[in-house]
Amino acid sequence: TEGSRTLPPLDDRMSSAEIDALSADRVVDTHYLGGKQWDYCREMCRIAGTYTEKTENYIATNAALYDRSGVERKGMKPGGEDLYRETRFSRVDEAQTYKILHSEL
């Protein structure tokens, strides 16, 4: 059908998955992209033909929010209060940033 794609043979996909698994520092990190997720998102948008300035602004704002939340989370003790979850943001995509509306930290 129009717009559909055929997957590579199963053997090729399994081989590729094994290479991916072996390339991670730890098996549990195979699908953890961390800060690399933003370039991955950009690449997926380029492949899909949807990458625009608006898309870049959205991705960059996500990255800024991710970085901010990470700083807040790193100060938390396991099992303690997750106060970072109470932080409220307002996106400012056109400036690739955010405003903090509320924070307990």
C-alpha atoms as a PDB file:
ATOM      1  CA  THR A   1       0.000   0.000   0.000  1.00  0.00           C
ATOM      2  CA  GLU A   2       1.007   3.601  -0.443  1.00  0.00           C
ATOM      3  CA  GLY A   3       3.480   4.785   2.194  1.00  0.00           C
ATOM      4  CA  SER A   4       4.146   1.291   3.514  1.00  0.00           C
ATOM      5  CA  ARG A   5       7.587  -0.213   3.913  1.00  0.00           C
ATOM      6  CA  THR A   6       8.845  -3.779   3.920  1.00  0.00           C
ATOM      7  CA  LEU A   7      10.916  -4.792   6.918  1.00  0.00           C
ATOM      8  CA  PRO A   8      14.347  -6.322   6.374  1.00  0.00           C
ATOM      9  CA  PRO A   9      14.539 -10.120   6.783  1.00  0.00           C
ATOM     10  CA  LEU A  10      14.240 -11.372  10.383  1.00  0.00           C
ATOM     11  CA  ASP A  11      17.843 -12.616  10.430  1.00  0.00           C
ATOM     12  CA  ASP A  12      19.080  -9.139   9.501  1.00  0.00           C
ATOM     13  CA  ARG A  13      16.929  -7.517  12.189  1.00  0.00           C
ATOM     14  CA  MET A  14      18.113  -9.983  14.838  1.00  0.00           C
ATOM     15  CA  SER A  15      21.740  -9.411  13.859  1.00  0.00           C
ATOM     16  CA  SER A  16      21.258  -5.655  14.048  1.00  0.00           C
ATOM     17  CA  ALA A  17      19.607  -5.970  17.490  1.00  0.00           C
ATOM     18  CA  GLU A  18      22.533  -8.053  18.734  1.00  0.00           C
ATOM     19  CA  ILE A  19      25.032  -5.449  17.495  1.00  0.00           C
ATOM     20  CA  ASP A  20      23.011  -2.734  19.266  1.00  0.00           C
ATOM     21  CA  ALA A  21      22.928  -4.736  22.501  1.00  0.00           C
ATOM     22  CA  LEU A  22      26.659  -5.356  22.419  1.00  0.00           C
ATOM     23  CA  SER A  23      27.423  -1.695  21.705  1.00  0.00           C
ATOM     24  CA  ALA A  24      25.861  -0.468  24.959  1.00  0.00           C
ATOM     25  CA  ASP A  25      27.976  -0.094  28.077  1.00  0.00           C
ATOM     26  CA  ARG A  26      25.467  -2.294  29.865  1.00  0.00           C
ATOM     27  CA  VAL A  27      22.679  -4.433  28.429  1.00  0.00           C
ATOM     28  CA  VAL A  28      20.109  -2.515  30.470  1.00  0.00           C
ATOM     29  CA  ASP A  29      21.258   0.664  28.674  1.00  0.00           C
ATOM     30  CA  THR A  30      20.564  -0.704  25.191  1.00  0.00           C
ATOM     31  CA  HIS A  31      17.490   1.500  24.789  1.00  0.00           C
ATOM     32  CA  TYR A  32      18.504   4.285  27.165  1.00  0.00           C
ATOM     33  CA  LEU A  33      19.529   7.250  25.067  1.00  0.00           C
ATOM     34  CA  GLY A  34      19.912   9.869  27.795  1.00  0.00           C
ATOM     35  CA  GLY A  35      21.069  13.136  26.231  1.00  0.00           C
ATOM     36  CA  LYS A  36      21.584  11.396  22.884  1.00  0.00           C
ATOM     37  CA  GLN A  37      17.828  11.154  22.432  1.00  0.00           C
ATOM     38  CA  TRP A  38      17.606  14.647  20.947  1.00  0.00           C
ATOM     39  CA  ASP A  39      19.835  13.898  17.975  1.00  0.00           C
ATOM     40  CA  TYR A  40      17.938  10.637  17.543  1.00  0.00           C
ATOM     41  CA  CYS A  41      14.642  12.576  17.463  1.00  0.00           C
ATOM     42  CA  ARG A  42      16.092  14.976  14.891  1.00  0.00           C
ATOM     43  CA  GLU A  43      17.246  12.074  12.728  1.00  0.00           C
ATOM     44  CA  MET A  44      13.836  10.381  12.915  1.00  0.00           C
ATOM     45  CA  CYS A  45      12.168  13.659  11.896  1.00  0.00           C
ATOM     46  CA  ARG A  46      14.562  14.044   8.968  1.00  0.00           C
ATOM     47  CA  ILE A  47      13.838  10.485   7.828  1.00  0.00           C
ATOM     48  CA  ALA A  48      10.103  11.159   8.115  1.00  0.00           C
ATOM     49  CA  GLY A  49      10.454  14.458   6.257  1.00  0.00           C
ATOM     50  CA  THR A  50       8.949  16.425   9.149  1.00  0.00           C
ATOM     51  CA  TYR A  51      12.039  18.247  10.431  1.00  0.00           C
ATOM     52  CA  THR A  52      11.402  22.001  10.471  1.00  0.00           C
ATOM     53  CA  GLU A  53      12.447  25.006  12.536  1.00  0.00           C
ATOM     54  CA  LYS A  54       9.310  24.485  14.628  1.00  0.00           C
ATOM     55  CA  THR A  55      10.296  20.859  15.213  1.00  0.00           C
ATOM     56  CA  GLU A  56      13.823  21.899  16.210  1.00  0.00           C
ATOM     57  CA  ASN A  57      12.438  24.454  18.658  1.00  0.00           C
ATOM     58  CA  TYR A  58      10.234  21.765  20.202  1.00  0.00           C
ATOM     59  CA  ILE A  59      13.089  19.251  20.504  1.00  0.00           C
ATOM     60  CA  ALA A  60      15.493  21.852  21.911  1.00  0.00           C
ATOM     61  CA  THR A  61      12.911  22.918  24.515  1.00  0.00           C
ATOM     62  CA  ASN A  62      12.436  19.265  25.493  1.00  0.00           C
ATOM     63  CA  ALA A  63      16.208  18.982  25.936  1.00  0.00           C
ATOM     64  CA  ALA A  64      16.294  22.094  28.140  1.00  0.00           C
ATOM     65  CA  LEU A  65      13.470  20.730  30.307  1.00  0.00           C
ATOM     66  CA  TYR A  66      15.161  17.325  30.519  1.00  0.00           C
ATOM     67  CA  ASP A  67      18.430  18.940  31.619  1.00  0.00           C
ATOM     68  CA  ARG A  68      16.676  21.095  34.236  1.00  0.00           C
ATOM     69  CA  SER A  69      14.722  18.148  35.634  1.00  0.00           C
ATOM     70  CA  GLY A  70      17.892  16.076  35.727  1.00  0.00           C
ATOM     71  CA  VAL A  71      19.655  18.679  37.865  1.00  0.00           C
ATOM     72  CA  GLU A  72      16.730  18.651  40.292  1.00  0.00           C
ATOM     73  CA  ARG A  73      16.509  14.826  40.371  1.00  0.00           C
ATOM     74  CA  LYS A  74      20.216  14.352  41.042  1.00  0.00           C
ATOM     75  CA  GLY A  75      19.852  16.071  44.394  1.00  0.00           C
ATOM     76  CA  MET A  76      17.105  13.707  45.528  1.00  0.00           C
ATOM     77  CA  LYS A  77      17.675  10.725  47.799  1.00  0.00           C
ATOM     78  CA  PRO A  78      16.221   7.380  46.665  1.00  0.00           C
ATOM     79  CA  GLY A  79      12.909   6.817  48.425  1.00  0.00           C
ATOM     80  CA  GLY A  80      12.751  10.442  49.513  1.00  0.00           C
ATOM     81  CA  GLU A  81      10.260  13.062  48.455  1.00  0.00           C
ATOM     82  CA  ASP A  82      10.197  13.591  44.708  1.00  0.00           C
ATOM     83  CA  LEU A  83       9.858  17.347  44.976  1.00  0.00           C
ATOM     84  CA  TYR A  84      11.166  17.832  41.435  1.00  0.00           C
ATOM     85  CA  ARG A  85       7.859  16.376  40.232  1.00  0.00           C
ATOM     86  CA  GLU A  86       6.087  19.440  41.635  1.00  0.00           C
ATOM     87  CA  THR A  87       8.013  21.837  39.398  1.00  0.00           C
ATOM     88  CA  ARG A  88       5.739  23.368  36.767  1.00  0.00           C
ATOM     89  CA  PHE A  89       7.046  24.827  33.545  1.00  0.00           C
ATOM     90  CA  SER A  90       5.662  26.880  30.701  1.00  0.00           C
ATOM     91  CA  ARG A  91       7.242  26.064  27.353  1.00  0.00           C
ATOM     92  CA  VAL A  92       8.694  28.886  25.243  1.00  0.00           C
ATOM     93  CA  ASP A  93       9.457  26.836  22.147  1.00  0.00           C
ATOM     94  CA  GLU A  94      10.294  29.749  19.859  1.00  0.00           C
ATOM     95  CA  ALA A  95      13.141  30.648  22.251  1.00  0.00           C
ATOM     96  CA  GLN A  96      14.026  26.984  22.936  1.00  0.00           C
ATOM     97  CA  THR A  97      13.543  27.469  26.655  1.00  0.00           C
ATOM     98  CA  TYR A  98      10.967  27.511  29.433  1.00  0.00           C
ATOM     99  CA  LYS A  99       9.695  29.574  32.342  1.00  0.00           C
ATOM    100  CA  ILE A 100       9.384  28.082  35.807  1.00  0.00           C
ATOM    101  CA  LEU A 101       5.849  28.611  37.083  1.00  0.00           C
ATOM    102  CA  HIS A 102       6.268  26.774  40.386  1.00  0.00           C
ATOM    103  CA  SER A 103       9.052  24.916  42.182  1.00  0.00           C
ATOM    104  CA  GLU A 104       9.355  23.358  45.630  1.00  0.00           C
ATOM    105  CA  LEU A 105      13.147  23.366  45.305  1.00  0.00           C
END
